[in-house]
Amino acid sequence: MQGLTRFALLLLPFVCVPSSLTAAPTPLSLKWNQLAGALDGRHVVVELKDHSRIQAVVTSVAASGLTLQVTSNSHPTYRKGTAEISRESVAGLRLVHMRIRGRILGGIFGVLGGIIAGGVLDLAAQDCDSLFGPCRPANRGLQVTAAAVGIAIPVSAYAWGRHADRQEIEIILLPD
């Protein structure tokens, strides 16, 4: 069981260090007429003056406002589909950038960690005198825990990696 404790202590920094400790991306300062080149076809979070948010893909930028393909049903007024938002109702914009590195690393380390942690717990459940020696009846509760840990670690590591991959770059709207 001492090996399991050491393994848990080795994993502790990776689990406890939040992805928010990474450096925040530098905000972009753009005028409204420069938004078309920077945002067309990109995923954005539009912050409205009523303090609500819309997740969407920008289809076009006009002098009067934005035309969006809304990707979330979380806003009561703007549902999935095409929506036009006037320039006056936009309080802020954030460009959403997704990487893939965190999901790959989270998946790899999660699978390896799940196999190792689940295997160590399963070996502890066997209650053997030695690796190939005679064994007493297995502890079924610990075997179920080993299976749950073997599944939970990869899933949570992938979720952590997905969270780490998402970057939102603030766009500061300058006056024309």
N, C-alpha and C. Protein backbone atom coordinates (compact mmCIF):
# COMPACT_ATOMS: atom_id res chain seq x y z
N MET A 1 0.82 -1.20 0.00
CA MET A 1 0.00 0.00 0.00
C MET A 1 0.86 1.26 0.00
N GLN A 2 2.13 1.14 0.44
CA GLN A 2 3.02 2.28 0.47
C GLN A 2 3.30 2.78 -0.95
N GLY A 3 3.34 1.86 -1.92
CA GLY A 3 3.55 2.25 -3.31
C GLY A 3 2.40 3.09 -3.84
N LEU A 4 1.18 2.77 -3.42
CA LEU A 4 0.01 3.53 -3.82
C LEU A 4 0.07 4.95 -3.27
N THR A 5 0.53 5.09 -2.03
CA THR A 5 0.66 6.41 -1.42
C THR A 5 1.68 7.25 -2.18
N ARG A 6 2.80 6.65 -2.53
CA ARG A 6 3.82 7.37 -3.32
C ARG A 6 3.26 7.79 -4.68
N PHE A 7 2.52 6.88 -5.32
CA PHE A 7 1.94 7.20 -6.62
C PHE A 7 0.96 8.36 -6.51
N ALA A 8 0.13 8.34 -5.46
CA ALA A 8 -0.83 9.43 -5.26
C ALA A 8 -0.11 10.75 -5.02
N LEU A 9 0.99 10.72 -4.27
CA LEU A 9 1.75 11.95 -4.04
C LEU A 9 2.42 12.45 -5.32
N LEU A 10 2.81 11.54 -6.20
CA LEU A 10 3.38 11.96 -7.48
C LEU A 10 2.33 12.62 -8.37
N LEU A 11 1.09 12.14 -8.33
CA LEU A 11 0.03 12.70 -9.15
C LEU A 11 -0.55 13.99 -8.59
N LEU A 12 -0.35 14.24 -7.30
CA LEU A 12 -0.97 15.38 -6.62
C LEU A 12 -0.69 16.72 -7.30
N PRO A 13 0.55 17.04 -7.69
CA PRO A 13 0.77 18.35 -8.35
C PRO A 13 0.00 18.49 -9.66
N PHE A 14 -0.15 17.41 -10.41
CA PHE A 14 -0.85 17.50 -11.69
C PHE A 14 -2.34 17.70 -11.50
N VAL A 15 -2.88 17.14 -10.43
CA VAL A 15 -4.31 17.26 -10.17
C VAL A 15 -4.64 18.60 -9.53
N CYS A 16 -3.78 19.07 -8.64
CA CYS A 16 -4.08 20.26 -7.85
C CYS A 16 -3.71 21.57 -8.53
N VAL A 17 -2.84 21.55 -9.51
CA VAL A 17 -2.42 22.79 -10.16
C VAL A 17 -3.48 23.17 -11.18
N PRO A 18 -4.20 24.25 -10.96
CA PRO A 18 -5.26 24.63 -11.91
C PRO A 18 -4.68 25.20 -13.19
N SER A 19 -5.43 25.04 -14.25
CA SER A 19 -4.99 25.57 -15.53
C SER A 19 -5.06 27.09 -15.56
N SER A 20 -5.71 27.70 -14.57
CA SER A 20 -5.80 29.15 -14.53
C SER A 20 -4.46 29.79 -14.17
N LEU A 21 -3.48 28.99 -13.77
CA LEU A 21 -2.17 29.54 -13.47
C LEU A 21 -1.37 29.84 -14.74
N THR A 22 -1.84 29.39 -15.87
CA THR A 22 -1.16 29.71 -17.11
C THR A 22 -1.39 31.18 -17.45
N ALA A 23 -0.48 31.73 -18.22
CA ALA A 23 -0.57 33.15 -18.56
C ALA A 23 -1.80 33.41 -19.42
N ALA A 24 -2.48 34.50 -19.11
CA ALA A 24 -3.66 34.88 -19.89
C ALA A 24 -3.21 35.44 -21.23
N PRO A 25 -3.95 35.14 -22.29
CA PRO A 25 -3.58 35.68 -23.59
C PRO A 25 -3.73 37.21 -23.62
N THR A 26 -2.92 37.85 -24.41
CA THR A 26 -2.96 39.30 -24.53
C THR A 26 -4.24 39.73 -25.23
N PRO A 27 -4.97 40.71 -24.67
CA PRO A 27 -6.19 41.16 -25.32
C PRO A 27 -5.89 41.86 -26.64
N LEU A 28 -6.85 41.78 -27.55
CA LEU A 28 -6.74 42.47 -28.84
C LEU A 28 -7.51 43.78 -28.75
N SER A 29 -6.92 44.84 -29.25
CA SER A 29 -7.60 46.14 -29.32
C SER A 29 -7.93 46.42 -30.77
N LEU A 30 -9.22 46.43 -31.09
CA LEU A 30 -9.66 46.59 -32.47
C LEU A 30 -10.77 47.62 -32.56
N LYS A 31 -10.80 48.31 -33.70
CA LYS A 31 -11.94 49.17 -34.01
C LYS A 31 -13.02 48.31 -34.64
N TRP A 32 -14.26 48.80 -34.63
CA TRP A 32 -15.37 48.00 -35.16
C TRP A 32 -15.14 47.60 -36.61
N ASN A 33 -14.59 48.50 -37.42
CA ASN A 33 -14.39 48.19 -38.85
C ASN A 33 -13.26 47.17 -39.06
N GLN A 34 -12.47 46.85 -38.03
CA GLN A 34 -11.42 45.84 -38.15
C GLN A 34 -11.90 44.45 -37.71
N LEU A 35 -13.09 44.37 -37.16
CA LEU A 35 -13.60 43.10 -36.65
C LEU A 35 -13.84 42.07 -37.75
N ALA A 36 -14.24 42.50 -38.92
CA ALA A 36 -14.58 41.56 -39.99
C ALA A 36 -13.39 40.67 -40.33
N GLY A 37 -12.22 41.24 -40.46
CA GLY A 37 -11.05 40.44 -40.79
C GLY A 37 -10.61 39.53 -39.66
N ALA A 38 -10.83 39.94 -38.43
CA ALA A 38 -10.37 39.16 -37.29
C ALA A 38 -11.36 38.09 -36.84
N LEU A 39 -12.66 38.29 -37.11
CA LEU A 39 -13.67 37.40 -36.52
C LEU A 39 -14.47 36.56 -37.50
N ASP A 40 -14.45 36.84 -38.78
CA ASP A 40 -15.29 36.09 -39.72
C ASP A 40 -15.01 34.59 -39.63
N GLY A 41 -16.06 33.83 -39.35
CA GLY A 41 -15.96 32.38 -39.28
C GLY A 41 -15.35 31.85 -37.99
N ARG A 42 -15.12 32.70 -37.02
CA ARG A 42 -14.48 32.28 -35.76
C ARG A 42 -15.52 32.17 -34.65
N HIS A 43 -15.22 31.33 -33.67
CA HIS A 43 -16.08 31.19 -32.49
C HIS A 43 -15.83 32.35 -31.54
N VAL A 44 -16.91 32.95 -31.06
CA VAL A 44 -16.80 34.08 -30.13
C VAL A 44 -17.82 33.94 -29.01
N VAL A 45 -17.57 34.68 -27.94
CA VAL A 45 -18.54 34.87 -26.88
C VAL A 45 -18.88 36.36 -26.92
N VAL A 46 -20.14 36.68 -27.20
CA VAL A 46 -20.58 38.06 -27.27
C VAL A 46 -21.20 38.42 -25.93
N GLU A 47 -20.65 39.45 -25.30
CA GLU A 47 -21.20 39.92 -24.03
C GLU A 47 -22.11 41.11 -24.34
N LEU A 48 -23.36 41.01 -23.91
CA LEU A 48 -24.34 42.06 -24.19
C LEU A 48 -24.42 43.04 -23.03
N LYS A 49 -25.00 44.20 -23.28
CA LYS A 49 -25.10 45.23 -22.25
C LYS A 49 -26.07 44.85 -21.13
N ASP A 50 -26.92 43.85 -21.35
CA ASP A 50 -27.80 43.38 -20.27
C ASP A 50 -27.10 42.32 -19.41
N HIS A 51 -25.77 42.18 -19.55
CA HIS A 51 -24.91 41.27 -18.79
C HIS A 51 -25.13 39.80 -19.12
N SER A 52 -25.68 39.51 -20.27
CA SER A 52 -25.82 38.13 -20.71
C SER A 52 -24.76 37.84 -21.78
N ARG A 53 -24.61 36.56 -22.11
CA ARG A 53 -23.60 36.15 -23.09
C ARG A 53 -24.22 35.25 -24.14
N ILE A 54 -23.64 35.31 -25.33
CA ILE A 54 -24.08 34.46 -26.44
C ILE A 54 -22.84 33.78 -27.01
N GLN A 55 -22.90 32.45 -27.16
CA GLN A 55 -21.82 31.72 -27.82
C GLN A 55 -22.22 31.52 -29.27
N ALA A 56 -21.33 31.94 -30.18
CA ALA A 56 -21.72 31.92 -31.59
C ALA A 56 -20.50 31.89 -32.49
N VAL A 57 -20.77 31.71 -33.79
CA VAL A 57 -19.77 31.85 -34.84
C VAL A 57 -20.14 33.09 -35.64
N VAL A 58 -19.18 33.96 -35.85
CA VAL A 58 -19.44 35.20 -36.59
C VAL A 58 -19.55 34.89 -38.07
N THR A 59 -20.68 35.28 -38.67
CA THR A 59 -20.84 35.09 -40.12
C THR A 59 -20.52 36.37 -40.88
N SER A 60 -20.85 37.53 -40.30
CA SER A 60 -20.48 38.79 -40.94
C SER A 60 -20.51 39.92 -39.93
N VAL A 61 -19.73 40.96 -40.24
CA VAL A 61 -19.69 42.16 -39.42
C VAL A 61 -20.06 43.33 -40.30
N ALA A 62 -21.08 44.08 -39.89
CA ALA A 62 -21.51 45.28 -40.63
C ALA A 62 -21.36 46.48 -39.70
N ALA A 63 -21.49 47.66 -40.26
CA ALA A 63 -21.38 48.88 -39.44
C ALA A 63 -22.50 48.95 -38.41
N SER A 64 -23.64 48.31 -38.71
CA SER A 64 -24.78 48.37 -37.79
C SER A 64 -24.75 47.28 -36.72
N GLY A 65 -24.00 46.19 -36.93
CA GLY A 65 -23.97 45.12 -35.95
C GLY A 65 -23.33 43.85 -36.44
N LEU A 66 -23.57 42.77 -35.72
CA LEU A 66 -23.00 41.46 -36.03
C LEU A 66 -24.09 40.50 -36.51
N THR A 67 -23.75 39.65 -37.46
CA THR A 67 -24.60 38.54 -37.85
C THR A 67 -23.90 37.29 -37.35
N LEU A 68 -24.62 36.50 -36.55
CA LEU A 68 -24.02 35.36 -35.88
C LEU A 68 -24.78 34.08 -36.17
N GLN A 69 -24.09 32.98 -36.09
CA GLN A 69 -24.69 31.65 -36.06
C GLN A 69 -24.58 31.19 -34.62
N VAL A 70 -25.67 31.32 -33.86
CA VAL A 70 -25.66 31.02 -32.43
C VAL A 70 -25.52 29.51 -32.25
N THR A 71 -24.60 29.11 -31.37
CA THR A 71 -24.30 27.68 -31.18
C THR A 71 -24.82 27.13 -29.85
N SER A 72 -25.44 27.97 -29.02
CA SER A 72 -25.92 27.53 -27.71
C SER A 72 -27.33 28.06 -27.46
N ASN A 73 -28.12 27.29 -26.76
CA ASN A 73 -29.48 27.70 -26.41
C ASN A 73 -29.54 28.35 -25.03
N SER A 74 -28.43 28.79 -24.50
CA SER A 74 -28.41 29.29 -23.13
C SER A 74 -29.00 30.69 -22.97
N HIS A 75 -29.13 31.43 -24.06
CA HIS A 75 -29.68 32.79 -23.97
C HIS A 75 -31.18 32.73 -24.23
N PRO A 76 -31.99 33.46 -23.43
CA PRO A 76 -33.45 33.37 -23.60
C PRO A 76 -33.95 33.99 -24.90
N THR A 77 -33.26 34.98 -25.44
CA THR A 77 -33.73 35.64 -26.66
C THR A 77 -33.10 35.05 -27.91
N TYR A 78 -31.81 34.84 -27.88
CA TYR A 78 -31.07 34.36 -29.06
C TYR A 78 -30.85 32.86 -28.94
N ARG A 79 -31.63 32.08 -29.70
CA ARG A 79 -31.53 30.63 -29.70
C ARG A 79 -30.64 30.17 -30.85
N LYS A 80 -30.39 28.86 -30.93
CA LYS A 80 -29.57 28.32 -32.02
C LYS A 80 -30.12 28.76 -33.36
N GLY A 81 -29.20 29.13 -34.23
CA GLY A 81 -29.59 29.61 -35.55
C GLY A 81 -28.96 30.97 -35.82
N THR A 82 -29.41 31.61 -36.87
CA THR A 82 -28.87 32.91 -37.26
C THR A 82 -29.51 34.01 -36.44
N ALA A 83 -28.67 34.95 -36.00
CA ALA A 83 -29.17 36.09 -35.22
C ALA A 83 -28.38 37.33 -35.60
N GLU A 84 -29.07 38.47 -35.55
CA GLU A 84 -28.40 39.74 -35.79
C GLU A 84 -28.44 40.53 -34.49
N ILE A 85 -27.29 41.05 -34.11
CA ILE A 85 -27.17 41.81 -32.87
C ILE A 85 -26.66 43.20 -33.22
N SER A 86 -27.38 44.21 -32.75
CA SER A 86 -26.99 45.58 -33.07
C SER A 86 -25.70 45.95 -32.36
N ARG A 87 -24.99 46.85 -32.95
CA ARG A 87 -23.71 47.30 -32.42
C ARG A 87 -23.86 47.92 -31.02
N GLU A 88 -24.98 48.60 -30.80
CA GLU A 88 -25.20 49.28 -29.54
C GLU A 88 -25.41 48.31 -28.38
N SER A 89 -25.89 47.09 -28.65
CA SER A 89 -26.15 46.14 -27.57
C SER A 89 -24.92 45.30 -27.22
N VAL A 90 -23.84 45.42 -27.97
CA VAL A 90 -22.63 44.65 -27.70
C VAL A 90 -21.77 45.39 -26.67
N ALA A 91 -21.53 44.73 -25.54
CA ALA A 91 -20.68 45.31 -24.50
C ALA A 91 -19.24 44.84 -24.64
N GLY A 92 -19.03 43.64 -25.14
CA GLY A 92 -17.68 43.11 -25.29
C GLY A 92 -17.68 41.84 -26.11
N LEU A 93 -16.50 41.46 -26.56
CA LEU A 93 -16.33 40.25 -27.36
C LEU A 93 -15.13 39.48 -26.84
N ARG A 94 -15.23 38.16 -26.91
CA ARG A 94 -14.09 37.30 -26.59
C ARG A 94 -13.95 36.26 -27.68
N LEU A 95 -12.78 36.17 -28.25
CA LEU A 95 -12.48 35.21 -29.29
C LEU A 95 -12.11 33.89 -28.62
N VAL A 96 -12.75 32.80 -29.03
CA VAL A 96 -12.51 31.49 -28.43
C VAL A 96 -11.53 30.73 -29.33
N HIS A 97 -10.43 30.33 -28.71
CA HIS A 97 -9.39 29.58 -29.44
C HIS A 97 -9.21 28.24 -28.74
N MET A 98 -9.34 27.16 -29.48
CA MET A 98 -9.18 25.82 -28.92
C MET A 98 -7.90 25.19 -29.45
N ARG A 99 -7.11 24.63 -28.52
CA ARG A 99 -5.93 23.86 -28.90
C ARG A 99 -6.27 22.38 -28.73
N ILE A 100 -5.32 21.51 -28.98
CA ILE A 100 -5.56 20.08 -28.82
C ILE A 100 -4.58 19.44 -27.85
N ARG A 101 -3.52 20.15 -27.51
CA ARG A 101 -2.44 19.61 -26.69
C ARG A 101 -2.93 19.07 -25.34
N GLY A 102 -3.78 19.79 -24.64
CA GLY A 102 -4.25 19.37 -23.32
C GLY A 102 -5.06 18.09 -23.37
N ARG A 103 -5.91 17.96 -24.38
CA ARG A 103 -6.73 16.76 -24.49
C ARG A 103 -5.86 15.54 -24.79
N ILE A 104 -4.83 15.72 -25.63
CA ILE A 104 -3.94 14.59 -25.93
C ILE A 104 -3.15 14.19 -24.69
N LEU A 105 -2.52 15.18 -24.04
CA LEU A 105 -1.74 14.86 -22.85
C LEU A 105 -2.62 14.35 -21.72
N GLY A 106 -3.80 14.97 -21.53
CA GLY A 106 -4.71 14.49 -20.50
C GLY A 106 -5.17 13.07 -20.76
N GLY A 107 -5.44 12.76 -22.02
CA GLY A 107 -5.85 11.40 -22.36
C GLY A 107 -4.75 10.39 -22.14
N ILE A 108 -3.52 10.72 -22.57
CA ILE A 108 -2.40 9.78 -22.42
C ILE A 108 -2.09 9.56 -20.94
N PHE A 109 -1.88 10.66 -20.20
CA PHE A 109 -1.55 10.52 -18.78
C PHE A 109 -2.71 9.94 -17.98
N GLY A 110 -3.93 10.24 -18.40
CA GLY A 110 -5.09 9.69 -17.71
C GLY A 110 -5.19 8.18 -17.88
N VAL A 111 -4.97 7.71 -19.09
CA VAL A 111 -5.03 6.26 -19.33
C VAL A 111 -3.90 5.56 -18.57
N LEU A 112 -2.69 6.11 -18.66
CA LEU A 112 -1.57 5.50 -17.93
C LEU A 112 -1.81 5.53 -16.42
N GLY A 113 -2.25 6.68 -15.91
CA GLY A 113 -2.53 6.79 -14.48
C GLY A 113 -3.66 5.88 -14.05
N GLY A 114 -4.69 5.76 -14.87
CA GLY A 114 -5.81 4.87 -14.55
C GLY A 114 -5.40 3.41 -14.52
N ILE A 115 -4.56 3.02 -15.48
CA ILE A 115 -4.09 1.63 -15.51
C ILE A 115 -3.22 1.34 -14.29
N ILE A 116 -2.31 2.28 -13.98
CA ILE A 116 -1.41 2.05 -12.84
C ILE A 116 -2.18 2.07 -11.52
N ALA A 117 -3.01 3.10 -11.30
CA ALA A 117 -3.74 3.19 -10.04
C ALA A 117 -4.73 2.04 -9.88
N GLY A 118 -5.47 1.74 -10.95
CA GLY A 118 -6.40 0.61 -10.89
C GLY A 118 -5.68 -0.71 -10.69
N GLY A 119 -4.53 -0.87 -11.33
CA GLY A 119 -3.75 -2.10 -11.17
C GLY A 119 -3.21 -2.27 -9.77
N VAL A 120 -2.70 -1.16 -9.19
CA VAL A 120 -2.18 -1.23 -7.82
C VAL A 120 -3.31 -1.57 -6.85
N LEU A 121 -4.47 -0.94 -7.02
CA LEU A 121 -5.60 -1.26 -6.14
C LEU A 121 -6.07 -2.70 -6.32
N ASP A 122 -6.06 -3.17 -7.57
CA ASP A 122 -6.48 -4.54 -7.82
C ASP A 122 -5.50 -5.53 -7.22
N LEU A 123 -4.20 -5.24 -7.30
CA LEU A 123 -3.21 -6.10 -6.67
C LEU A 123 -3.38 -6.11 -5.15
N ALA A 124 -3.70 -4.95 -4.59
CA ALA A 124 -3.94 -4.89 -3.15
C ALA A 124 -5.18 -5.70 -2.78
N ALA A 125 -6.16 -5.75 -3.67
CA ALA A 125 -7.39 -6.50 -3.40
C ALA A 125 -7.16 -8.01 -3.44
N GLN A 126 -6.13 -8.46 -4.17
CA GLN A 126 -5.88 -9.90 -4.30
C GLN A 126 -5.37 -10.51 -3.00
N ASP A 127 -4.73 -9.71 -2.16
CA ASP A 127 -4.22 -10.17 -0.86
C ASP A 127 -3.32 -11.40 -1.03
N CYS A 128 -2.27 -11.22 -1.83
CA CYS A 128 -1.33 -12.31 -2.08
C CYS A 128 -0.08 -12.13 -1.22
N ASP A 129 0.57 -13.24 -0.91
CA ASP A 129 1.82 -13.18 -0.15
C ASP A 129 2.96 -12.63 -1.00
N SER A 130 2.95 -12.96 -2.27
CA SER A 130 3.95 -12.44 -3.21
C SER A 130 3.27 -12.28 -4.56
N LEU A 131 3.99 -11.76 -5.52
CA LEU A 131 3.39 -11.49 -6.83
C LEU A 131 2.82 -12.75 -7.46
N PHE A 132 3.53 -13.89 -7.35
CA PHE A 132 3.06 -15.13 -7.95
C PHE A 132 2.69 -16.18 -6.90
N GLY A 133 2.61 -15.74 -5.64
CA GLY A 133 2.34 -16.68 -4.55
C GLY A 133 0.87 -16.98 -4.41
N PRO A 134 0.55 -17.80 -3.42
CA PRO A 134 -0.86 -18.14 -3.18
C PRO A 134 -1.63 -16.92 -2.68
N CYS A 135 -2.89 -16.84 -3.07
CA CYS A 135 -3.73 -15.70 -2.70
C CYS A 135 -4.92 -16.16 -1.88
N ARG A 136 -5.34 -15.29 -0.98
CA ARG A 136 -6.56 -15.52 -0.24
C ARG A 136 -7.72 -14.94 -1.05
N PRO A 137 -8.96 -15.17 -0.62
CA PRO A 137 -10.10 -14.62 -1.38
C PRO A 137 -9.96 -13.10 -1.55
N ALA A 138 -10.31 -12.65 -2.73
CA ALA A 138 -10.14 -11.24 -3.08
C ALA A 138 -11.15 -10.36 -2.35
N ASN A 139 -10.75 -9.13 -2.10
CA ASN A 139 -11.60 -8.12 -1.49
C ASN A 139 -12.42 -7.49 -2.63
N ARG A 140 -13.68 -7.87 -2.79
CA ARG A 140 -14.51 -7.41 -3.92
C ARG A 140 -14.74 -5.91 -3.89
N GLY A 141 -14.88 -5.34 -2.70
CA GLY A 141 -15.09 -3.89 -2.60
C GLY A 141 -13.90 -3.12 -3.14
N LEU A 142 -12.70 -3.61 -2.84
CA LEU A 142 -11.50 -2.94 -3.35
C LEU A 142 -11.34 -3.15 -4.85
N GLN A 143 -11.79 -4.29 -5.36
CA GLN A 143 -11.75 -4.52 -6.80
C GLN A 143 -12.69 -3.57 -7.54
N VAL A 144 -13.88 -3.35 -6.98
CA VAL A 144 -14.83 -2.40 -7.58
C VAL A 144 -14.24 -0.99 -7.54
N THR A 145 -13.61 -0.64 -6.43
CA THR A 145 -12.96 0.66 -6.32
C THR A 145 -11.85 0.79 -7.35
N ALA A 146 -11.08 -0.28 -7.57
CA ALA A 146 -10.01 -0.26 -8.57
C ALA A 146 -10.57 -0.01 -9.96
N ALA A 147 -11.69 -0.64 -10.28
CA ALA A 147 -12.31 -0.43 -11.59
C ALA A 147 -12.81 1.00 -11.72
N ALA A 148 -13.42 1.52 -10.65
CA ALA A 148 -13.92 2.90 -10.70
C ALA A 148 -12.78 3.89 -10.85
N VAL A 149 -11.68 3.68 -10.13
CA VAL A 149 -10.52 4.56 -10.24
C VAL A 149 -9.91 4.45 -11.64
N GLY A 150 -9.85 3.23 -12.17
CA GLY A 150 -9.30 3.03 -13.51
C GLY A 150 -10.11 3.72 -14.59
N ILE A 151 -11.38 3.97 -14.34
CA ILE A 151 -12.23 4.68 -15.30
C ILE A 151 -12.23 6.18 -15.00
N ALA A 152 -12.29 6.56 -13.74
CA ALA A 152 -12.43 7.96 -13.36
C ALA A 152 -11.19 8.79 -13.68
N ILE A 153 -10.01 8.23 -13.52
CA ILE A 153 -8.79 9.00 -13.76
C ILE A 153 -8.68 9.42 -15.24
N PRO A 154 -8.85 8.52 -16.21
CA PRO A 154 -8.75 8.97 -17.61
C PRO A 154 -9.84 9.98 -17.99
N VAL A 155 -11.06 9.77 -17.49
CA VAL A 155 -12.14 10.69 -17.83
C VAL A 155 -11.87 12.07 -17.26
N SER A 156 -11.46 12.14 -16.00
CA SER A 156 -11.18 13.45 -15.40
C SER A 156 -9.95 14.10 -16.00
N ALA A 157 -8.94 13.32 -16.37
CA ALA A 157 -7.75 13.90 -17.00
C ALA A 157 -8.08 14.48 -18.37
N TYR A 158 -8.93 13.79 -19.13
CA TYR A 158 -9.35 14.33 -20.43
C TYR A 158 -10.16 15.61 -20.25
N ALA A 159 -11.05 15.62 -19.25
CA ALA A 159 -11.85 16.83 -18.99
C ALA A 159 -10.96 17.99 -18.58
N TRP A 160 -9.97 17.72 -17.75
CA TRP A 160 -9.02 18.76 -17.37
C TRP A 160 -8.27 19.28 -18.59
N GLY A 161 -7.83 18.36 -19.46
CA GLY A 161 -7.13 18.75 -20.68
C GLY A 161 -8.00 19.58 -21.60
N ARG A 162 -9.27 19.23 -21.69
CA ARG A 162 -10.20 20.00 -22.53
C ARG A 162 -10.38 21.41 -21.98
N HIS A 163 -10.47 21.52 -20.66
CA HIS A 163 -10.59 22.83 -20.04
C HIS A 163 -9.32 23.65 -20.27
N ALA A 164 -8.18 23.00 -20.19
CA ALA A 164 -6.91 23.70 -20.40
C ALA A 164 -6.73 24.14 -21.85
N ASP A 165 -7.35 23.45 -22.79
CA ASP A 165 -7.21 23.79 -24.21
C ASP A 165 -7.98 25.05 -24.61
N ARG A 166 -9.00 25.39 -23.89
CA ARG A 166 -9.86 26.52 -24.28
C ARG A 166 -9.24 27.83 -23.81
N GLN A 167 -9.01 28.73 -24.76
CA GLN A 167 -8.52 30.07 -24.46
C GLN A 167 -9.53 31.07 -24.99
N GLU A 168 -9.84 32.05 -24.16
CA GLU A 168 -10.71 33.13 -24.58
C GLU A 168 -9.89 34.42 -24.59
N ILE A 169 -9.77 35.00 -25.78
CA ILE A 169 -8.99 36.22 -25.96
C ILE A 169 -9.95 37.40 -25.96
N GLU A 170 -9.77 38.30 -25.02
CA GLU A 170 -10.65 39.46 -24.92
C GLU A 170 -10.36 40.43 -26.07
N ILE A 171 -11.44 40.95 -26.65
CA ILE A 171 -11.31 41.96 -27.70
C ILE A 171 -11.81 43.28 -27.13
N ILE A 172 -10.91 44.25 -27.06
CA ILE A 172 -11.26 45.58 -26.57
C ILE A 172 -11.69 46.41 -27.77
N LEU A 173 -12.94 46.87 -27.73
CA LEU A 173 -13.47 47.65 -28.83
C LEU A 173 -13.07 49.12 -28.67
N LEU A 174 -12.28 49.59 -29.63
CA LEU A 174 -11.83 50.98 -29.61
C LEU A 174 -12.85 51.86 -30.34
N PRO A 175 -12.96 53.13 -29.97
CA PRO A 175 -13.87 54.02 -30.71
C PRO A 175 -13.37 54.24 -32.13
N ASP A 176 -14.32 54.43 -33.06
CA ASP A 176 -13.94 54.63 -34.47
C ASP A 176 -13.29 55.97 -34.70
